[in-house]
């Protein structure tokens, strides 16, 4: 079974995290939710806590097909500063594995040196990234090489669906998209 890591740090954006986890699990992709702290409950930006499956210290990169980072300003800065997350991002990229980030989280990819030439992120956060071609509001989701990025909470379903398409193909993507009534995703 395809396995995707979703690391959560205090202050993560809940809509993005839950959308990613839910849509991928609907596509029968195993999602491993990892906590950056010793407590397995991680509190999001709006006070909603999610129970993680594993601690980031226990992640085995060779078992993963992809890592996907939800945004949230506080959570993003924690992901960018966490040695384990940065190591995993670099290792996944060096092995040509897939990487995703939404909202402010492309900043953490930039800090790891794995963000590619074309990307999108939450408006104004490109000022923190200062690299490549920011596509802004031209596209909800941008795929460049092995990296997929997206803009923010309102684009989270479309972002997750693009990940499904990348990992499981057009048929599964279309089936899940239809079931979610997500015709607005292109």
N, C-alpha and C. Protein backbone atom coordinates (compact mmCIF):
# COMPACT_ATOMS: atom_id res chain seq x y z
N UNK A 1 0.84 -1.19 0.00
CA UNK A 1 0.00 0.00 0.00
C UNK A 1 0.88 1.25 0.00
N UNK A 2 0.47 2.26 -0.72
CA UNK A 2 1.18 3.54 -0.77
C UNK A 2 1.07 4.21 0.59
N UNK A 3 2.22 4.72 1.08
CA UNK A 3 2.23 5.37 2.40
C UNK A 3 2.70 6.82 2.26
N UNK A 4 1.94 7.74 2.88
CA UNK A 4 2.24 9.17 2.84
C UNK A 4 2.38 9.68 4.27
N UNK A 5 3.42 10.46 4.51
CA UNK A 5 3.66 11.08 5.81
C UNK A 5 3.09 12.49 5.83
N UNK A 6 2.31 12.80 6.88
CA UNK A 6 1.82 14.16 7.11
C UNK A 6 2.29 14.57 8.51
N UNK A 7 3.40 15.33 8.58
CA UNK A 7 3.88 15.77 9.89
C UNK A 7 3.09 16.99 10.38
N UNK A 8 2.76 16.98 11.66
CA UNK A 8 2.00 18.10 12.24
C UNK A 8 2.81 18.75 13.35
N UNK A 9 2.89 20.06 13.30
CA UNK A 9 3.51 20.85 14.36
C UNK A 9 2.45 21.75 14.97
N UNK A 10 2.63 22.12 16.21
CA UNK A 10 1.69 23.03 16.88
C UNK A 10 1.45 24.24 15.98
N UNK A 11 0.18 24.58 15.78
CA UNK A 11 -0.17 25.72 14.95
C UNK A 11 -0.41 25.37 13.49
N UNK A 12 -0.54 24.07 13.18
CA UNK A 12 -0.85 23.66 11.80
C UNK A 12 -2.25 24.15 11.42
N UNK A 13 -2.50 24.29 10.13
CA UNK A 13 -3.81 24.71 9.62
C UNK A 13 -4.71 23.48 9.54
N UNK A 14 -5.76 23.44 10.35
CA UNK A 14 -6.60 22.26 10.48
C UNK A 14 -7.33 21.88 9.19
N UNK A 15 -7.91 22.85 8.49
CA UNK A 15 -8.64 22.53 7.25
C UNK A 15 -7.73 21.80 6.28
N UNK A 16 -6.50 22.30 6.16
CA UNK A 16 -5.56 21.69 5.22
C UNK A 16 -5.17 20.29 5.65
N UNK A 17 -4.82 20.12 6.92
CA UNK A 17 -4.39 18.80 7.40
C UNK A 17 -5.51 17.77 7.26
N UNK A 18 -6.70 18.11 7.72
CA UNK A 18 -7.81 17.16 7.66
C UNK A 18 -8.21 16.86 6.22
N UNK A 19 -8.21 17.86 5.36
CA UNK A 19 -8.54 17.63 3.94
C UNK A 19 -7.56 16.66 3.31
N UNK A 20 -6.27 16.88 3.55
CA UNK A 20 -5.24 16.00 2.99
C UNK A 20 -5.43 14.58 3.51
N UNK A 21 -5.50 14.43 4.82
CA UNK A 21 -5.62 13.10 5.43
C UNK A 21 -6.88 12.40 4.95
N UNK A 22 -8.01 13.08 4.98
CA UNK A 22 -9.29 12.49 4.59
C UNK A 22 -9.32 12.07 3.12
N UNK A 23 -8.94 12.96 2.22
CA UNK A 23 -9.01 12.65 0.78
C UNK A 23 -8.07 11.50 0.44
N UNK A 24 -6.86 11.51 0.99
CA UNK A 24 -5.93 10.42 0.69
C UNK A 24 -6.44 9.08 1.24
N UNK A 25 -7.02 9.09 2.42
CA UNK A 25 -7.55 7.84 2.97
C UNK A 25 -8.76 7.35 2.18
N UNK A 26 -9.57 8.24 1.65
CA UNK A 26 -10.67 7.83 0.78
C UNK A 26 -10.14 7.10 -0.45
N UNK A 27 -8.94 7.47 -0.89
CA UNK A 27 -8.30 6.84 -2.05
C UNK A 27 -7.51 5.59 -1.66
N UNK A 28 -7.70 5.15 -0.42
CA UNK A 28 -7.02 3.96 0.11
C UNK A 28 -5.50 4.10 0.09
N UNK A 29 -5.06 5.30 0.43
CA UNK A 29 -3.65 5.59 0.63
C UNK A 29 -3.43 5.61 2.14
N UNK A 30 -2.40 4.90 2.60
CA UNK A 30 -2.10 4.90 4.03
C UNK A 30 -1.46 6.23 4.40
N UNK A 31 -2.07 6.93 5.34
CA UNK A 31 -1.55 8.22 5.79
C UNK A 31 -1.00 8.05 7.20
N UNK A 32 0.24 8.42 7.37
CA UNK A 32 0.92 8.35 8.65
C UNK A 32 1.02 9.78 9.18
N UNK A 33 0.27 10.08 10.24
CA UNK A 33 0.29 11.42 10.84
C UNK A 33 1.36 11.41 11.93
N UNK A 34 2.34 12.31 11.79
CA UNK A 34 3.46 12.34 12.74
C UNK A 34 3.46 13.63 13.54
N UNK A 35 3.75 13.49 14.83
CA UNK A 35 3.87 14.63 15.73
C UNK A 35 5.34 15.03 15.85
N UNK A 36 5.59 16.32 15.93
CA UNK A 36 6.95 16.80 16.13
C UNK A 36 7.33 16.86 17.60
N UNK A 37 6.35 16.76 18.49
CA UNK A 37 6.66 16.83 19.92
C UNK A 37 6.43 15.48 20.59
N UNK A 38 6.72 15.40 21.87
CA UNK A 38 6.59 14.14 22.61
C UNK A 38 5.15 13.73 22.83
N UNK A 39 4.25 14.70 22.83
CA UNK A 39 2.83 14.42 23.02
C UNK A 39 2.23 14.01 21.67
N UNK A 40 1.39 12.99 21.65
CA UNK A 40 0.82 12.57 20.36
C UNK A 40 -0.38 13.42 19.95
N UNK A 41 -0.86 14.31 20.82
CA UNK A 41 -1.93 15.24 20.46
C UNK A 41 -1.28 16.55 20.02
N UNK A 42 -1.63 16.99 18.81
CA UNK A 42 -1.05 18.22 18.26
C UNK A 42 -2.17 19.25 18.09
N UNK A 43 -1.99 20.43 18.66
CA UNK A 43 -3.01 21.47 18.62
C UNK A 43 -2.78 22.38 17.42
N UNK A 44 -3.85 22.55 16.63
CA UNK A 44 -3.78 23.37 15.43
C UNK A 44 -3.94 24.86 15.71
N UNK A 45 -3.87 25.65 14.66
CA UNK A 45 -3.93 27.11 14.74
C UNK A 45 -5.25 27.61 15.32
N UNK A 46 -6.31 26.85 15.17
CA UNK A 46 -7.63 27.26 15.64
C UNK A 46 -8.12 26.44 16.83
N UNK A 47 -7.18 25.82 17.54
CA UNK A 47 -7.49 25.12 18.77
C UNK A 47 -8.00 23.70 18.62
N UNK A 48 -7.99 23.15 17.42
CA UNK A 48 -8.43 21.78 17.20
C UNK A 48 -7.21 20.86 17.30
N UNK A 49 -7.32 19.82 18.11
CA UNK A 49 -6.20 18.88 18.27
C UNK A 49 -6.42 17.62 17.45
N UNK A 50 -5.34 17.10 16.91
CA UNK A 50 -5.35 15.84 16.17
C UNK A 50 -4.37 14.90 16.85
N UNK A 51 -4.77 13.65 16.99
CA UNK A 51 -3.91 12.63 17.58
C UNK A 51 -3.05 12.02 16.47
N UNK A 52 -1.75 12.05 16.68
CA UNK A 52 -0.83 11.51 15.67
C UNK A 52 -0.72 10.00 15.79
N UNK A 53 -0.22 9.39 14.72
CA UNK A 53 0.00 7.94 14.68
C UNK A 53 1.39 7.57 15.16
N UNK A 54 2.33 8.52 15.04
CA UNK A 54 3.74 8.22 15.25
C UNK A 54 4.47 9.51 15.61
N UNK A 55 5.62 9.38 16.23
CA UNK A 55 6.48 10.53 16.46
C UNK A 55 7.42 10.67 15.27
N UNK A 56 7.75 11.89 14.90
CA UNK A 56 8.60 12.15 13.74
C UNK A 56 9.95 11.43 13.85
N UNK A 57 10.42 11.20 15.07
CA UNK A 57 11.70 10.49 15.28
C UNK A 57 11.65 9.04 14.80
N UNK A 58 10.47 8.47 14.71
CA UNK A 58 10.32 7.05 14.37
C UNK A 58 9.99 6.81 12.90
N UNK A 59 10.01 7.84 12.08
CA UNK A 59 9.67 7.71 10.66
C UNK A 59 10.81 7.05 9.90
N UNK A 60 10.45 6.08 9.04
CA UNK A 60 11.42 5.40 8.17
C UNK A 60 11.14 5.86 6.74
N UNK A 61 12.04 6.66 6.19
CA UNK A 61 11.84 7.26 4.87
C UNK A 61 11.64 6.22 3.78
N UNK A 62 12.35 5.12 3.85
CA UNK A 62 12.25 4.10 2.80
C UNK A 62 10.85 3.49 2.70
N UNK A 63 10.04 3.64 3.73
CA UNK A 63 8.67 3.12 3.70
C UNK A 63 7.68 4.10 3.06
N UNK A 64 8.13 5.31 2.77
CA UNK A 64 7.24 6.38 2.31
C UNK A 64 7.30 6.57 0.80
N UNK A 65 6.15 6.94 0.24
CA UNK A 65 6.07 7.35 -1.16
C UNK A 65 6.08 8.87 -1.26
N UNK A 66 5.58 9.53 -0.19
CA UNK A 66 5.43 10.99 -0.25
C UNK A 66 5.37 11.58 1.15
N UNK A 67 5.76 12.84 1.25
CA UNK A 67 5.55 13.63 2.47
C UNK A 67 4.73 14.85 2.05
N UNK A 68 3.73 15.21 2.87
CA UNK A 68 2.87 16.36 2.57
C UNK A 68 2.78 17.23 3.81
N UNK A 69 3.12 18.52 3.64
CA UNK A 69 3.11 19.46 4.75
C UNK A 69 1.91 20.38 4.69
N UNK A 70 1.05 20.36 5.73
CA UNK A 70 -0.01 21.37 5.80
C UNK A 70 0.61 22.69 6.25
N UNK A 71 -0.10 23.79 6.00
CA UNK A 71 0.40 25.10 6.39
C UNK A 71 0.00 25.50 7.78
N UNK A 72 -0.24 26.79 7.93
CA UNK A 72 -0.42 27.41 9.24
C UNK A 72 0.91 28.06 9.57
N UNK A 73 0.91 29.33 9.91
CA UNK A 73 2.17 30.06 10.07
C UNK A 73 3.05 29.46 11.16
N UNK A 74 2.50 29.29 12.37
CA UNK A 74 3.29 28.74 13.47
C UNK A 74 3.77 27.33 13.14
N UNK A 75 2.88 26.51 12.59
CA UNK A 75 3.25 25.15 12.21
C UNK A 75 4.32 25.11 11.14
N UNK A 76 4.21 26.01 10.16
CA UNK A 76 5.20 26.06 9.08
C UNK A 76 6.58 26.39 9.60
N UNK A 77 6.68 27.40 10.46
CA UNK A 77 8.00 27.76 11.00
C UNK A 77 8.57 26.61 11.82
N UNK A 78 7.72 25.89 12.54
CA UNK A 78 8.20 24.72 13.30
C UNK A 78 8.70 23.63 12.36
N UNK A 79 8.00 23.39 11.25
CA UNK A 79 8.45 22.39 10.26
C UNK A 79 9.78 22.81 9.64
N UNK A 80 9.92 24.11 9.39
CA UNK A 80 11.15 24.62 8.77
C UNK A 80 12.34 24.53 9.72
N UNK A 81 12.08 24.56 11.02
CA UNK A 81 13.15 24.53 12.02
C UNK A 81 13.43 23.13 12.55
N UNK A 82 12.56 22.17 12.28
CA UNK A 82 12.72 20.83 12.84
C UNK A 82 13.75 20.03 12.04
N UNK A 83 14.79 19.56 12.72
CA UNK A 83 15.87 18.82 12.06
C UNK A 83 15.38 17.55 11.39
N UNK A 84 14.46 16.84 12.03
CA UNK A 84 13.95 15.59 11.44
C UNK A 84 13.16 15.86 10.17
N UNK A 85 12.29 16.86 10.19
CA UNK A 85 11.49 17.19 9.00
C UNK A 85 12.43 17.61 7.87
N UNK A 86 13.39 18.45 8.17
CA UNK A 86 14.32 18.91 7.14
C UNK A 86 15.14 17.75 6.57
N UNK A 87 15.57 16.84 7.44
CA UNK A 87 16.32 15.65 6.99
C UNK A 87 15.45 14.77 6.10
N UNK A 88 14.21 14.54 6.50
CA UNK A 88 13.29 13.70 5.72
C UNK A 88 13.02 14.34 4.36
N UNK A 89 12.78 15.65 4.33
CA UNK A 89 12.55 16.33 3.06
C UNK A 89 13.74 16.16 2.11
N UNK A 90 14.94 16.37 2.62
CA UNK A 90 16.14 16.25 1.79
C UNK A 90 16.34 14.82 1.30
N UNK A 91 16.13 13.86 2.19
CA UNK A 91 16.29 12.45 1.81
C UNK A 91 15.25 12.03 0.77
N UNK A 92 14.02 12.45 0.97
CA UNK A 92 12.96 12.10 0.01
C UNK A 92 13.28 12.71 -1.35
N UNK A 93 13.71 13.96 -1.37
CA UNK A 93 14.03 14.62 -2.63
C UNK A 93 15.21 13.94 -3.33
N UNK A 94 16.23 13.58 -2.57
CA UNK A 94 17.41 12.94 -3.18
C UNK A 94 17.06 11.58 -3.78
N UNK A 95 16.01 10.96 -3.27
CA UNK A 95 15.56 9.66 -3.79
C UNK A 95 14.48 9.82 -4.85
N UNK A 96 14.15 11.06 -5.22
CA UNK A 96 13.15 11.32 -6.24
C UNK A 96 11.73 11.04 -5.79
N UNK A 97 11.52 10.99 -4.47
CA UNK A 97 10.17 10.74 -3.94
C UNK A 97 9.36 12.03 -3.95
N UNK A 98 8.05 11.88 -3.88
CA UNK A 98 7.14 13.02 -4.00
C UNK A 98 7.06 13.83 -2.71
N UNK A 99 6.89 15.14 -2.89
CA UNK A 99 6.81 16.08 -1.77
C UNK A 99 5.66 17.05 -2.07
N UNK A 100 4.87 17.35 -1.04
CA UNK A 100 3.78 18.31 -1.20
C UNK A 100 3.78 19.31 -0.06
N UNK A 101 3.32 20.53 -0.35
CA UNK A 101 3.20 21.56 0.69
C UNK A 101 2.13 22.55 0.26
N UNK A 102 1.35 23.01 1.24
CA UNK A 102 0.26 23.93 0.97
C UNK A 102 0.36 25.14 1.90
N UNK A 103 -0.19 26.26 1.44
CA UNK A 103 -0.31 27.48 2.23
C UNK A 103 1.08 28.08 2.49
N UNK A 104 1.48 28.21 3.73
CA UNK A 104 2.79 28.75 4.08
C UNK A 104 3.89 27.69 4.00
N UNK A 105 3.51 26.42 3.99
CA UNK A 105 4.47 25.32 4.10
C UNK A 105 5.51 25.22 2.98
N UNK A 106 5.29 25.74 1.76
CA UNK A 106 6.40 25.74 0.81
C UNK A 106 7.66 26.43 1.35
N UNK A 107 7.49 27.30 2.35
CA UNK A 107 8.65 27.91 3.01
C UNK A 107 9.55 26.84 3.62
N UNK A 108 8.96 25.83 4.26
CA UNK A 108 9.75 24.74 4.85
C UNK A 108 10.50 23.96 3.77
N UNK A 109 9.88 23.82 2.59
CA UNK A 109 10.57 23.16 1.47
C UNK A 109 11.75 24.01 1.01
N UNK A 110 11.55 25.31 0.95
CA UNK A 110 12.62 26.23 0.55
C UNK A 110 13.78 26.15 1.53
N UNK A 111 13.48 26.10 2.81
CA UNK A 111 14.52 26.00 3.83
C UNK A 111 15.33 24.71 3.69
N UNK A 112 14.68 23.65 3.22
CA UNK A 112 15.36 22.36 3.02
C UNK A 112 16.09 22.31 1.68
N UNK A 113 15.82 23.28 0.82
CA UNK A 113 16.45 23.29 -0.51
C UNK A 113 15.81 22.34 -1.49
N UNK A 114 14.53 21.99 -1.27
CA UNK A 114 13.86 21.03 -2.15
C UNK A 114 12.73 21.64 -2.97
N UNK A 115 12.41 22.91 -2.74
CA UNK A 115 11.37 23.58 -3.53
C UNK A 115 11.88 23.77 -4.95
N UNK A 116 11.06 23.50 -5.92
CA UNK A 116 11.48 23.57 -7.33
C UNK A 116 11.21 24.96 -7.91
N UNK A 117 11.49 25.12 -9.21
CA UNK A 117 11.44 26.44 -9.86
C UNK A 117 10.06 27.09 -9.88
N UNK A 118 9.00 26.29 -10.00
CA UNK A 118 7.64 26.85 -10.05
C UNK A 118 6.85 26.35 -8.84
N UNK A 119 6.15 27.28 -8.20
CA UNK A 119 5.39 26.92 -7.00
C UNK A 119 4.30 27.96 -6.76
N UNK A 120 3.42 27.62 -5.84
CA UNK A 120 2.48 28.59 -5.31
C UNK A 120 2.44 28.41 -3.80
N UNK A 121 1.85 29.38 -3.12
CA UNK A 121 1.75 29.34 -1.66
C UNK A 121 0.70 30.38 -1.24
N UNK A 122 0.52 30.53 0.04
CA UNK A 122 -0.41 31.53 0.55
C UNK A 122 0.08 32.92 0.13
N UNK A 123 -0.83 33.77 -0.37
CA UNK A 123 -0.42 35.10 -0.83
C UNK A 123 0.38 35.86 0.24
N UNK A 124 1.45 36.43 -0.16
CA UNK A 124 2.43 37.20 0.63
C UNK A 124 3.53 36.31 1.21
N UNK A 125 3.30 35.02 1.30
CA UNK A 125 4.35 34.15 1.85
C UNK A 125 5.50 33.94 0.88
N UNK A 126 5.27 34.25 -0.40
CA UNK A 126 6.36 34.18 -1.37
C UNK A 126 7.47 35.16 -1.00
N UNK A 127 7.15 36.18 -0.21
CA UNK A 127 8.17 37.13 0.26
C UNK A 127 9.16 36.48 1.22
N UNK A 128 8.75 35.41 1.88
CA UNK A 128 9.65 34.66 2.76
C UNK A 128 10.49 33.67 1.96
N UNK A 129 9.99 33.25 0.82
CA UNK A 129 10.64 32.19 0.04
C UNK A 129 11.71 32.75 -0.88
N UNK A 130 11.39 33.75 -1.66
CA UNK A 130 12.35 34.45 -2.52
C UNK A 130 13.18 33.53 -3.41
N UNK A 131 12.52 32.65 -4.10
CA UNK A 131 13.21 31.80 -5.08
C UNK A 131 12.21 31.34 -6.12
N UNK A 132 12.70 30.92 -7.26
CA UNK A 132 11.86 30.34 -8.28
C UNK A 132 10.78 31.29 -8.79
N UNK A 133 9.83 30.71 -9.51
CA UNK A 133 8.74 31.48 -10.10
C UNK A 133 7.46 31.23 -9.31
N UNK A 134 7.04 32.25 -8.56
CA UNK A 134 5.80 32.19 -7.79
C UNK A 134 4.64 32.40 -8.76
N UNK A 135 3.75 31.41 -8.85
CA UNK A 135 2.64 31.49 -9.80
C UNK A 135 1.39 32.11 -9.20
N UNK A 136 1.44 32.46 -7.92
CA UNK A 136 0.37 33.21 -7.28
C UNK A 136 -1.02 32.69 -7.56
N UNK A 137 -1.89 33.59 -7.97
CA UNK A 137 -3.28 33.22 -8.19
C UNK A 137 -3.53 32.65 -9.58
N UNK A 138 -2.49 32.37 -10.34
CA UNK A 138 -2.66 31.80 -11.68
C UNK A 138 -3.13 30.34 -11.62
N UNK A 139 -2.74 29.64 -10.55
CA UNK A 139 -3.10 28.22 -10.42
C UNK A 139 -3.35 27.89 -8.96
N UNK A 140 -4.37 27.04 -8.69
CA UNK A 140 -4.64 26.60 -7.33
C UNK A 140 -3.59 25.61 -6.85
N UNK A 141 -3.12 24.77 -7.78
CA UNK A 141 -2.15 23.73 -7.47
C UNK A 141 -1.08 23.77 -8.55
N UNK A 142 0.18 23.70 -8.13
CA UNK A 142 1.30 23.71 -9.07
C UNK A 142 2.13 22.45 -8.86
N UNK A 143 2.39 21.74 -9.95
CA UNK A 143 3.27 20.57 -9.89
C UNK A 143 4.52 20.88 -10.70
N UNK A 144 5.68 20.76 -10.07
CA UNK A 144 6.96 20.99 -10.73
C UNK A 144 7.92 19.89 -10.29
N UNK A 145 8.29 19.04 -11.23
CA UNK A 145 9.11 17.87 -10.95
C UNK A 145 8.40 16.99 -9.92
N UNK A 146 9.05 16.71 -8.79
CA UNK A 146 8.47 15.82 -7.77
C UNK A 146 7.76 16.59 -6.65
N UNK A 147 7.53 17.89 -6.85
CA UNK A 147 6.94 18.73 -5.79
C UNK A 147 5.59 19.31 -6.24
N UNK A 148 4.59 19.18 -5.36
CA UNK A 148 3.26 19.75 -5.59
C UNK A 148 3.01 20.78 -4.50
N UNK A 149 2.59 21.99 -4.91
CA UNK A 149 2.28 23.05 -3.94
C UNK A 149 0.88 23.60 -4.20
N UNK A 150 0.32 24.23 -3.16
CA UNK A 150 -1.01 24.82 -3.30
C UNK A 150 -1.11 26.05 -2.40
N UNK A 151 -2.20 26.80 -2.55
CA UNK A 151 -2.32 28.14 -1.98
C UNK A 151 -2.79 28.22 -0.53
N UNK A 152 -3.82 27.46 -0.14
CA UNK A 152 -4.32 27.63 1.22
C UNK A 152 -5.58 26.84 1.51
N UNK A 153 -6.26 27.14 2.61
CA UNK A 153 -7.40 26.34 3.06
C UNK A 153 -8.44 26.06 1.98
N UNK A 154 -8.80 27.06 1.19
CA UNK A 154 -9.85 26.87 0.18
C UNK A 154 -9.41 25.99 -0.98
N UNK A 155 -8.11 25.77 -1.14
CA UNK A 155 -7.61 24.92 -2.23
C UNK A 155 -7.19 23.54 -1.74
N UNK A 156 -7.42 23.25 -0.47
CA UNK A 156 -6.92 22.01 0.13
C UNK A 156 -7.50 20.74 -0.51
N UNK A 157 -8.78 20.74 -0.83
CA UNK A 157 -9.40 19.55 -1.46
C UNK A 157 -8.78 19.32 -2.84
N UNK A 158 -8.63 20.38 -3.61
CA UNK A 158 -8.05 20.25 -4.96
C UNK A 158 -6.60 19.78 -4.87
N UNK A 159 -5.86 20.30 -3.91
CA UNK A 159 -4.48 19.89 -3.66
C UNK A 159 -4.41 18.39 -3.35
N UNK A 160 -5.25 17.96 -2.42
CA UNK A 160 -5.27 16.54 -2.04
C UNK A 160 -5.66 15.66 -3.23
N UNK A 161 -6.60 16.12 -4.03
CA UNK A 161 -7.00 15.36 -5.22
C UNK A 161 -5.85 15.23 -6.22
N UNK A 162 -5.06 16.27 -6.38
CA UNK A 162 -3.90 16.19 -7.28
C UNK A 162 -2.88 15.17 -6.76
N UNK A 163 -2.76 15.08 -5.45
CA UNK A 163 -1.88 14.07 -4.86
C UNK A 163 -2.42 12.68 -5.16
N UNK A 164 -3.73 12.51 -5.04
CA UNK A 164 -4.36 11.23 -5.38
C UNK A 164 -4.08 10.88 -6.84
N UNK A 165 -4.23 11.84 -7.73
CA UNK A 165 -3.98 11.60 -9.15
C UNK A 165 -2.53 11.15 -9.37
N UNK A 166 -1.59 11.82 -8.70
CA UNK A 166 -0.17 11.50 -8.85
C UNK A 166 0.14 10.10 -8.34
N UNK A 167 -0.46 9.72 -7.21
CA UNK A 167 -0.12 8.45 -6.57
C UNK A 167 -0.97 7.27 -7.04
N UNK A 168 -2.23 7.52 -7.41
CA UNK A 168 -3.15 6.42 -7.74
C UNK A 168 -3.71 6.46 -9.16
N UNK A 169 -3.50 7.56 -9.88
CA UNK A 169 -3.94 7.63 -11.26
C UNK A 169 -5.27 8.34 -11.46
N UNK A 170 -5.57 8.55 -12.73
CA UNK A 170 -6.74 9.32 -13.17
C UNK A 170 -8.06 8.69 -12.73
N UNK A 171 -8.17 7.37 -12.79
CA UNK A 171 -9.43 6.70 -12.46
C UNK A 171 -9.82 6.94 -10.99
N UNK A 172 -8.87 6.72 -10.08
CA UNK A 172 -9.15 6.94 -8.66
C UNK A 172 -9.41 8.41 -8.39
N UNK A 173 -8.62 9.28 -9.01
CA UNK A 173 -8.81 10.73 -8.88
C UNK A 173 -10.24 11.11 -9.27
N UNK A 174 -10.70 10.65 -10.43
CA UNK A 174 -12.05 10.99 -10.92
C UNK A 174 -13.13 10.46 -9.99
N UNK A 175 -12.95 9.26 -9.49
CA UNK A 175 -13.92 8.65 -8.59
C UNK A 175 -14.04 9.44 -7.28
N UNK A 176 -12.91 9.76 -6.67
CA UNK A 176 -12.92 10.51 -5.41
C UNK A 176 -13.44 11.93 -5.64
N UNK A 177 -13.01 12.57 -6.71
CA UNK A 177 -13.45 13.93 -7.04
C UNK A 177 -14.97 13.98 -7.20
N UNK A 178 -15.52 13.01 -7.89
CA UNK A 178 -16.97 12.94 -8.09
C UNK A 178 -17.69 12.75 -6.76
N UNK A 179 -17.19 11.85 -5.93
CA UNK A 179 -17.81 11.59 -4.64
C UNK A 179 -17.77 12.79 -3.70
N UNK A 180 -16.77 13.63 -3.87
CA UNK A 180 -16.65 14.84 -3.04
C UNK A 180 -17.42 16.03 -3.61
N UNK A 181 -18.01 15.86 -4.80
CA UNK A 181 -18.68 16.96 -5.51
C UNK A 181 -17.71 18.11 -5.76
N UNK A 182 -16.48 17.75 -6.09
CA UNK A 182 -15.40 18.74 -6.24
C UNK A 182 -15.16 19.10 -7.70
N UNK A 183 -16.24 19.37 -8.42
CA UNK A 183 -16.12 19.73 -9.83
C UNK A 183 -15.34 21.03 -10.04
N UNK A 184 -15.22 21.84 -9.01
CA UNK A 184 -14.47 23.10 -9.09
C UNK A 184 -12.97 22.87 -9.19
N UNK A 185 -12.51 21.66 -8.86
CA UNK A 185 -11.09 21.33 -8.99
C UNK A 185 -10.79 20.96 -10.43
N UNK A 186 -9.78 21.58 -10.99
CA UNK A 186 -9.41 21.31 -12.38
C UNK A 186 -8.11 20.57 -12.46
